Structure formats: structure tokens, C-alpha cells
């Protein structure tokens, strides 16, 4: 299994719109972090969908080690 590239040492805050889907980059290679730009093509990674139930700030994982993908679970503090 391939390891994801760490894209950030901190979570990435994004203001989301209610009812909108967001596709989180799982591989860490996207130039549009935290979102997928297709850089995973040819790898075992696939983007992870986040459906915003309500509007507000969401903290997407930047270290790519979260156990609650696509959201931060504090893994960046341990890895």
C-alpha cells in the first residue's frame, strides 16, 4: 500500500456551503489542497467525499493520517 504525502502539518480550515459536496485529496499530491485535482491518477488513492450538511467552517485533514477522513482528528499532533 502506498503512503500519502503529508500536505500540511495542520488542519486546513474551509468555509463550506450547506448542501454542497467537497472532494478531499487523500494522496497529498494535489496542488489544490485540501481538495482533489486528479493527481492521484495511476495510484491506489481515491478522493473522499464530504457532504456539507450545514454552512460553516470545516477542518479538513492536511497530514493525511486522520482516521476520520476527510476531517481532522488531531493525527498531525501524533505523527
PDB file of N, CA and C in Angstrom:
ATOM      1  N   UNK A   1       0.840  -1.195   0.000  1.00  0.00           N
ATOM      2  CA  UNK A   1       0.000   0.000   0.000  1.00  0.00           C
ATOM      3  C   UNK A   1       0.882   1.254   0.000  1.00  0.00           C
ATOM      4  N   UNK A   2       0.497   2.193  -0.792  1.00  0.00           N
ATOM      5  CA  UNK A   2       1.227   3.458  -0.882  1.00  0.00           C
ATOM      6  C   UNK A   2       0.932   4.330   0.340  1.00  0.00           C
ATOM      7  N   UNK A   3       1.877   5.172   0.695  1.00  0.00           N
ATOM      8  CA  UNK A   3       1.661   6.140   1.755  1.00  0.00           C
ATOM      9  C   UNK A   3       1.318   7.490   1.140  1.00  0.00           C
ATOM     10  N   UNK A   4       0.385   8.178   1.769  1.00  0.00           N
ATOM     11  CA  UNK A   4       0.013   9.508   1.307  1.00  0.00           C
ATOM     12  C   UNK A   4       1.125  10.493   1.645  1.00  0.00           C
ATOM     13  N   UNK A   5       1.259  11.512   0.829  1.00  0.00           N
ATOM     14  CA  UNK A   5       2.224  12.584   1.091  1.00  0.00           C
ATOM     15  C   UNK A   5       1.592  13.568   2.068  1.00  0.00           C
ATOM     16  N   UNK A   6       2.316  13.906   3.103  1.00  0.00           N
ATOM     17  CA  UNK A   6       1.836  14.888   4.081  1.00  0.00           C
ATOM     18  C   UNK A   6       1.779  16.252   3.396  1.00  0.00           C
ATOM     19  N   UNK A   7       0.593  16.823   3.305  1.00  0.00           N
ATOM     20  CA  UNK A   7       0.412  18.092   2.601  1.00  0.00           C
ATOM     21  C   UNK A   7       0.520  19.295   3.536  1.00  0.00           C
ATOM     22  N   UNK A   8       0.251  19.082   4.822  1.00  0.00           N
ATOM     23  CA  UNK A   8       0.261  20.174   5.796  1.00  0.00           C
ATOM     24  C   UNK A   8       0.496  19.603   7.184  1.00  0.00           C
ATOM     25  N   UNK A   9       1.084  20.404   8.059  1.00  0.00           N
ATOM     26  CA  UNK A   9       1.286  19.988   9.442  1.00  0.00           C
ATOM     27  C   UNK A   9       0.125  20.405  10.340  1.00  0.00           C
ATOM     28  N   UNK A  10      -0.862  21.044   9.751  1.00  0.00           N
ATOM     29  CA  UNK A  10      -2.034  21.500  10.497  1.00  0.00           C
ATOM     30  C   UNK A  10      -3.292  21.217   9.677  1.00  0.00           C
ATOM     31  N   UNK A  11      -4.466  21.231  10.331  1.00  0.00           N
ATOM     32  CA  UNK A  11      -5.702  21.083   9.568  1.00  0.00           C
ATOM     33  C   UNK A  11      -5.910  22.300   8.660  1.00  0.00           C
ATOM     34  N   UNK A  12      -6.712  22.110   7.626  1.00  0.00           N
ATOM     35  CA  UNK A  12      -6.975  23.176   6.663  1.00  0.00           C
ATOM     36  C   UNK A  12      -8.421  23.621   6.820  1.00  0.00           C
ATOM     37  N   UNK A  13      -8.606  24.846   7.300  1.00  0.00           N
ATOM     38  CA  UNK A  13      -9.947  25.387   7.533  1.00  0.00           C
ATOM     39  C   UNK A  13     -10.570  25.830   6.220  1.00  0.00           C
ATOM     40  N   UNK A  14     -11.810  25.403   6.000  1.00  0.00           N
ATOM     41  CA  UNK A  14     -12.542  25.761   4.789  1.00  0.00           C
ATOM     42  C   UNK A  14     -13.970  26.150   5.191  1.00  0.00           C
ATOM     43  N   UNK A  15     -14.430  27.273   4.686  1.00  0.00           N
ATOM     44  CA  UNK A  15     -15.824  27.665   4.891  1.00  0.00           C
ATOM     45  C   UNK A  15     -16.640  26.950   3.817  1.00  0.00           C
ATOM     46  N   UNK A  16     -17.545  26.068   4.256  1.00  0.00           N
ATOM     47  CA  UNK A  16     -18.334  25.268   3.322  1.00  0.00           C
ATOM     48  C   UNK A  16     -19.758  25.801   3.211  1.00  0.00           C
ATOM     49  N   UNK A  17     -20.383  25.470   2.088  1.00  0.00           N
ATOM     50  CA  UNK A  17     -21.767  25.847   1.832  1.00  0.00           C
ATOM     51  C   UNK A  17     -22.674  24.654   2.102  1.00  0.00           C
ATOM     52  N   UNK A  18     -23.804  24.880   2.748  1.00  0.00           N
ATOM     53  CA  UNK A  18     -24.756  23.815   3.045  1.00  0.00           C
ATOM     54  C   UNK A  18     -25.223  23.146   1.759  1.00  0.00           C
ATOM     55  N   UNK A  19     -25.261  21.823   1.776  1.00  0.00           N
ATOM     56  CA  UNK A  19     -25.746  21.053   0.644  1.00  0.00           C
ATOM     57  C   UNK A  19     -24.731  20.795  -0.447  1.00  0.00           C
ATOM     58  N   UNK A  20     -23.536  21.334  -0.327  1.00  0.00           N
ATOM     59  CA  UNK A  20     -22.507  21.178  -1.363  1.00  0.00           C
ATOM     60  C   UNK A  20     -21.581  20.009  -1.025  1.00  0.00           C
ATOM     61  N   UNK A  21     -21.090  19.330  -2.080  1.00  0.00           N
ATOM     62  CA  UNK A  21     -20.127  18.246  -1.915  1.00  0.00           C
ATOM     63  C   UNK A  21     -18.716  18.769  -2.144  1.00  0.00           C
ATOM     64  N   UNK A  22     -17.790  18.278  -1.332  1.00  0.00           N
ATOM     65  CA  UNK A  22     -16.378  18.637  -1.430  1.00  0.00           C
ATOM     66  C   UNK A  22     -15.593  17.337  -1.519  1.00  0.00           C
ATOM     67  N   UNK A  23     -14.593  17.290  -2.393  1.00  0.00           N
ATOM     68  CA  UNK A  23     -13.795  16.085  -2.602  1.00  0.00           C
ATOM     69  C   UNK A  23     -12.381  16.304  -2.061  1.00  0.00           C
ATOM     70  N   UNK A  24     -12.097  15.649  -0.940  1.00  0.00           N
ATOM     71  CA  UNK A  24     -10.828  15.767  -0.222  1.00  0.00           C
ATOM     72  C   UNK A  24      -9.744  14.925  -0.890  1.00  0.00           C
ATOM     73  N   UNK A  25      -8.577  15.506  -1.050  1.00  0.00           N
ATOM     74  CA  UNK A  25      -7.413  14.816  -1.590  1.00  0.00           C
ATOM     75  C   UNK A  25      -6.877  13.838  -0.545  1.00  0.00           C
ATOM     76  N   UNK A  26      -6.869  12.555  -0.875  1.00  0.00           N
ATOM     77  CA  UNK A  26      -6.368  11.531   0.041  1.00  0.00           C
ATOM     78  C   UNK A  26      -4.888  11.224  -0.173  1.00  0.00           C
ATOM     79  N   UNK A  27      -4.364  11.550  -1.355  1.00  0.00           N
ATOM     80  CA  UNK A  27      -2.976  11.183  -1.684  1.00  0.00           C
ATOM     81  C   UNK A  27      -1.951  12.213  -1.214  1.00  0.00           C
ATOM     82  N   UNK A  28      -2.384  13.469  -1.067  1.00  0.00           N
ATOM     83  CA  UNK A  28      -1.477  14.530  -0.645  1.00  0.00           C
ATOM     84  C   UNK A  28      -0.744  15.210  -1.784  1.00  0.00           C
ATOM     85  N   UNK A  29      -0.994  14.803  -3.018  1.00  0.00           N
ATOM     86  CA  UNK A  29      -0.275  15.348  -4.160  1.00  0.00           C
ATOM     87  C   UNK A  29      -0.971  16.522  -4.841  1.00  0.00           C
ATOM     88  N   UNK A  30      -2.235  16.745  -4.540  1.00  0.00           N
ATOM     89  CA  UNK A  30      -2.992  17.818  -5.184  1.00  0.00           C
ATOM     90  C   UNK A  30      -2.345  19.176  -4.943  1.00  0.00           C
ATOM     91  N   UNK A  31      -2.344  20.000  -5.967  1.00  0.00           N
ATOM     92  CA  UNK A  31      -1.853  21.373  -5.845  1.00  0.00           C
ATOM     93  C   UNK A  31      -2.962  22.282  -5.314  1.00  0.00           C
ATOM     94  N   UNK A  32      -4.153  21.726  -5.111  1.00  0.00           N
ATOM     95  CA  UNK A  32      -5.326  22.471  -4.669  1.00  0.00           C
ATOM     96  C   UNK A  32      -5.789  21.976  -3.289  1.00  0.00           C
ATOM     97  N   UNK A  33      -4.843  21.765  -2.376  1.00  0.00           N
ATOM     98  CA  UNK A  33      -5.165  21.238  -1.042  1.00  0.00           C
ATOM     99  C   UNK A  33      -6.202  22.098  -0.337  1.00  0.00           C
ATOM    100  N   UNK A  34      -7.147  21.488   0.375  1.00  0.00           N
ATOM    101  CA  UNK A  34      -7.261  20.062   0.676  1.00  0.00           C
ATOM    102  C   UNK A  34      -8.071  19.280  -0.350  1.00  0.00           C
ATOM    103  N   UNK A  35      -8.322  19.874  -1.502  1.00  0.00           N
ATOM    104  CA  UNK A  35      -9.209  19.249  -2.471  1.00  0.00           C
ATOM    105  C   UNK A  35      -8.469  18.517  -3.574  1.00  0.00           C
ATOM    106  N   UNK A  36      -9.117  17.519  -4.134  1.00  0.00           N
ATOM    107  CA  UNK A  36      -8.560  16.691  -5.196  1.00  0.00           C
ATOM    108  C   UNK A  36      -8.463  17.473  -6.500  1.00  0.00           C
ATOM    109  N   UNK A  37      -7.343  17.294  -7.197  1.00  0.00           N
ATOM    110  CA  UNK A  37      -7.184  17.863  -8.535  1.00  0.00           C
ATOM    111  C   UNK A  37      -6.853  16.783  -9.559  1.00  0.00           C
ATOM    112  N   UNK A  38      -7.002  15.512  -9.165  1.00  0.00           N
ATOM    113  CA  UNK A  38      -6.738  14.394 -10.070  1.00  0.00           C
ATOM    114  C   UNK A  38      -5.322  13.867 -10.018  1.00  0.00           C
ATOM    115  N   UNK A  39      -4.486  14.407  -9.150  1.00  0.00           N
ATOM    116  CA  UNK A  39      -3.082  13.988  -9.072  1.00  0.00           C
ATOM    117  C   UNK A  39      -2.914  12.527  -8.654  1.00  0.00           C
ATOM    118  N   UNK A  40      -3.943  11.930  -8.090  1.00  0.00           N
ATOM    119  CA  UNK A  40      -3.874  10.535  -7.631  1.00  0.00           C
ATOM    120  C   UNK A  40      -3.949   9.524  -8.784  1.00  0.00           C
ATOM    121  N   UNK A  41      -4.301   9.970  -9.964  1.00  0.00           N
ATOM    122  CA  UNK A  41      -4.495   9.047 -11.095  1.00  0.00           C
ATOM    123  C   UNK A  41      -3.275   8.140 -11.265  1.00  0.00           C
ATOM    124  N   UNK A  42      -3.537   6.849 -11.394  1.00  0.00           N
ATOM    125  CA  UNK A  42      -2.479   5.864 -11.532  1.00  0.00           C
ATOM    126  C   UNK A  42      -1.994   5.314 -10.198  1.00  0.00           C
ATOM    127  N   UNK A  43      -2.576   5.794  -9.097  1.00  0.00           N
ATOM    128  CA  UNK A  43      -2.200   5.304  -7.760  1.00  0.00           C
ATOM    129  C   UNK A  43      -3.388   4.543  -7.165  1.00  0.00           C
ATOM    130  N   UNK A  44      -3.212   4.074  -5.950  1.00  0.00           N
ATOM    131  CA  UNK A  44      -4.293   3.356  -5.261  1.00  0.00           C
ATOM    132  C   UNK A  44      -5.222   4.307  -4.503  1.00  0.00           C
ATOM    133  N   UNK A  45      -4.960   5.593  -4.553  1.00  0.00           N
ATOM    134  CA  UNK A  45      -5.760   6.574  -3.812  1.00  0.00           C
ATOM    135  C   UNK A  45      -6.997   7.006  -4.588  1.00  0.00           C
ATOM    136  N   UNK A  46      -8.035   7.337  -3.847  1.00  0.00           N
ATOM    137  CA  UNK A  46      -9.240   7.946  -4.417  1.00  0.00           C
ATOM    138  C   UNK A  46      -9.662   9.083  -3.496  1.00  0.00           C
ATOM    139  N   UNK A  47     -10.240  10.142  -4.044  1.00  0.00           N
ATOM    140  CA  UNK A  47     -10.688  11.246  -3.203  1.00  0.00           C
ATOM    141  C   UNK A  47     -11.848  10.809  -2.316  1.00  0.00           C
ATOM    142  N   UNK A  48     -12.041  11.530  -1.211  1.00  0.00           N
ATOM    143  CA  UNK A  48     -13.092  11.225  -0.254  1.00  0.00           C
ATOM    144  C   UNK A  48     -14.110  12.365  -0.263  1.00  0.00           C
ATOM    145  N   UNK A  49     -15.375  12.004  -0.443  1.00  0.00           N
ATOM    146  CA  UNK A  49     -16.449  12.995  -0.498  1.00  0.00           C
ATOM    147  C   UNK A  49     -16.848  13.464   0.904  1.00  0.00           C
ATOM    148  N   UNK A  50     -17.007  14.767   1.031  1.00  0.00           N
ATOM    149  CA  UNK A  50     -17.578  15.365   2.244  1.00  0.00           C
ATOM    150  C   UNK A  50     -18.807  16.149   1.812  1.00  0.00           C
ATOM    151  N   UNK A  51     -19.966  15.763   2.327  1.00  0.00           N
ATOM    152  CA  UNK A  51     -21.203  16.481   2.033  1.00  0.00           C
ATOM    153  C   UNK A  51     -21.485  17.414   3.202  1.00  0.00           C
ATOM    154  N   UNK A  52     -21.504  18.703   2.944  1.00  0.00           N
ATOM    155  CA  UNK A  52     -21.740  19.695   3.995  1.00  0.00           C
ATOM    156  C   UNK A  52     -23.233  19.749   4.319  1.00  0.00           C
ATOM    157  N   UNK A  53     -23.582  19.283   5.474  1.00  0.00           N
ATOM    158  CA  UNK A  53     -24.979  19.332   5.918  1.00  0.00           C
ATOM    159  C   UNK A  53     -25.399  20.756   6.251  1.00  0.00           C
ATOM    160  N   UNK A  54     -24.458  21.531   6.759  1.00  0.00           N
ATOM    161  CA  UNK A  54     -24.752  22.920   7.115  1.00  0.00           C
ATOM    162  C   UNK A  54     -23.568  23.801   6.736  1.00  0.00           C
ATOM    163  N   UNK A  55     -23.820  25.085   6.641  1.00  0.00           N
ATOM    164  CA  UNK A  55     -22.762  26.043   6.310  1.00  0.00           C
ATOM    165  C   UNK A  55     -21.902  26.299   7.540  1.00  0.00           C
ATOM    166  N   UNK A  56     -20.638  26.573   7.331  1.00  0.00           N
ATOM    167  CA  UNK A  56     -19.735  26.874   8.437  1.00  0.00           C
ATOM    168  C   UNK A  56     -18.317  26.489   8.105  1.00  0.00           C
ATOM    169  N   UNK A  57     -17.456  26.541   9.100  1.00  0.00           N
ATOM    170  CA  UNK A  57     -16.053  26.194   8.921  1.00  0.00           C
ATOM    171  C   UNK A  57     -15.835  24.725   9.239  1.00  0.00           C
ATOM    172  N   UNK A  58     -15.158  24.039   8.328  1.00  0.00           N
ATOM    173  CA  UNK A  58     -14.818  22.625   8.482  1.00  0.00           C
ATOM    174  C   UNK A  58     -13.301  22.526   8.438  1.00  0.00           C
ATOM    175  N   UNK A  59     -12.747  21.626   9.236  1.00  0.00           N
ATOM    176  CA  UNK A  59     -11.294  21.445   9.291  1.00  0.00           C
ATOM    177  C   UNK A  59     -10.925  20.131   8.622  1.00  0.00           C
ATOM    178  N   UNK A  60     -10.444  20.245   7.368  1.00  0.00           N
ATOM    179  CA  UNK A  60     -10.023  19.074   6.613  1.00  0.00           C
ATOM    180  C   UNK A  60      -8.616  18.667   7.043  1.00  0.00           C
ATOM    181  N   UNK A  61      -8.355  17.366   7.039  1.00  0.00           N
ATOM    182  CA  UNK A  61      -7.041  16.839   7.405  1.00  0.00           C
ATOM    183  C   UNK A  61      -5.997  17.252   6.370  1.00  0.00           C
ATOM    184  N   UNK A  62      -4.883  17.762   6.846  1.00  0.00           N
ATOM    185  CA  UNK A  62      -3.777  18.127   5.969  1.00  0.00           C
ATOM    186  C   UNK A  62      -2.631  17.133   6.020  1.00  0.00           C
ATOM    187  N   UNK A  63      -2.538  16.381   7.131  1.00  0.00           N
ATOM    188  CA  UNK A  63      -1.420  15.440   7.282  1.00  0.00           C
ATOM    189  C   UNK A  63      -1.691  14.106   6.597  1.00  0.00           C
ATOM    190  N   UNK A  64      -2.944  13.853   6.251  1.00  0.00           N
ATOM    191  CA  UNK A  64      -3.387  12.640   5.557  1.00  0.00           C
ATOM    192  C   UNK A  64      -3.303  11.390   6.428  1.00  0.00           C
ATOM    193  N   UNK A  65      -3.203  11.554   7.749  1.00  0.00           N
ATOM    194  CA  UNK A  65      -3.130  10.417   8.661  1.00  0.00           C
ATOM    195  C   UNK A  65      -4.403  10.238   9.485  1.00  0.00           C
ATOM    196  N   UNK A  66      -5.408  11.074   9.263  1.00  0.00           N
ATOM    197  CA  UNK A  66      -6.637  11.009  10.041  1.00  0.00           C
ATOM    198  C   UNK A  66      -7.333   9.647   9.938  1.00  0.00           C
ATOM    199  N   UNK A  67      -7.988   9.264  10.998  1.00  0.00           N
ATOM    200  CA  UNK A  67      -8.815   8.061  10.998  1.00  0.00           C
ATOM    201  C   UNK A  67     -10.278   8.427  10.733  1.00  0.00           C
ATOM    202  N   UNK A  68     -10.546   9.722  10.564  1.00  0.00           N
ATOM    203  CA  UNK A  68     -11.909  10.220  10.326  1.00  0.00           C
ATOM    204  C   UNK A  68     -11.976  11.002   9.021  1.00  0.00           C
ATOM    205  N   UNK A  69     -11.336  10.472   7.983  1.00  0.00           N
ATOM    206  CA  UNK A  69     -11.267  11.152   6.688  1.00  0.00           C
ATOM    207  C   UNK A  69     -12.660  11.575   6.219  1.00  0.00           C
ATOM    208  N   UNK A  70     -12.771  12.784   5.729  1.00  0.00           N
ATOM    209  CA  UNK A  70     -11.713  13.710   5.352  1.00  0.00           C
ATOM    210  C   UNK A  70     -11.384  14.759   6.421  1.00  0.00           C
ATOM    211  N   UNK A  71     -11.997  14.638   7.597  1.00  0.00           N
ATOM    212  CA  UNK A  71     -11.835  15.674   8.614  1.00  0.00           C
ATOM    213  C   UNK A  71     -10.675  15.373   9.554  1.00  0.00           C
ATOM    214  N   UNK A  72     -10.124  16.417  10.115  1.00  0.00           N
ATOM    215  CA  UNK A  72      -9.010  16.309  11.059  1.00  0.00           C
ATOM    216  C   UNK A  72      -9.456  15.617  12.341  1.00  0.00           C
ATOM    217  N   UNK A  73      -8.628  14.703  12.830  1.00  0.00           N
ATOM    218  CA  UNK A  73      -8.877  14.062  14.120  1.00  0.00           C
ATOM    219  C   UNK A  73      -7.717  14.291  15.090  1.00  0.00           C
ATOM    220  N   UNK A  74      -6.822  15.208  14.740  1.00  0.00           N
ATOM    221  CA  UNK A  74      -5.676  15.511  15.602  1.00  0.00           C
ATOM    222  C   UNK A  74      -4.455  14.665  15.330  1.00  0.00           C
ATOM    223  N   UNK A  75      -4.491  13.816  14.308  1.00  0.00           N
ATOM    224  CA  UNK A  75      -3.361  12.938  13.996  1.00  0.00           C
ATOM    225  C   UNK A  75      -2.077  13.696  13.732  1.00  0.00           C
ATOM    226  N   UNK A  76      -2.184  14.922  13.225  1.00  0.00           N
ATOM    227  CA  UNK A  76      -0.980  15.714  12.922  1.00  0.00           C
ATOM    228  C   UNK A  76      -0.151  15.997  14.173  1.00  0.00           C
ATOM    229  N   UNK A  77      -0.761  15.893  15.343  1.00  0.00           N
ATOM    230  CA  UNK A  77      -0.042  16.100  16.597  1.00  0.00           C
ATOM    231  C   UNK A  77       0.746  14.867  17.014  1.00  0.00           C
ATOM    232  N   UNK A  78       0.379  13.710  16.462  1.00  0.00           N
ATOM    233  CA  UNK A  78       0.987  12.436  16.853  1.00  0.00           C
ATOM    234  C   UNK A  78       1.957  11.896  15.809  1.00  0.00           C
ATOM    235  N   UNK A  79       1.873  12.380  14.566  1.00  0.00           N
ATOM    236  CA  UNK A  79       2.703  11.808  13.508  1.00  0.00           C
ATOM    237  C   UNK A  79       3.783  12.758  13.068  1.00  0.00           C
TER     238      UNK A  79
END
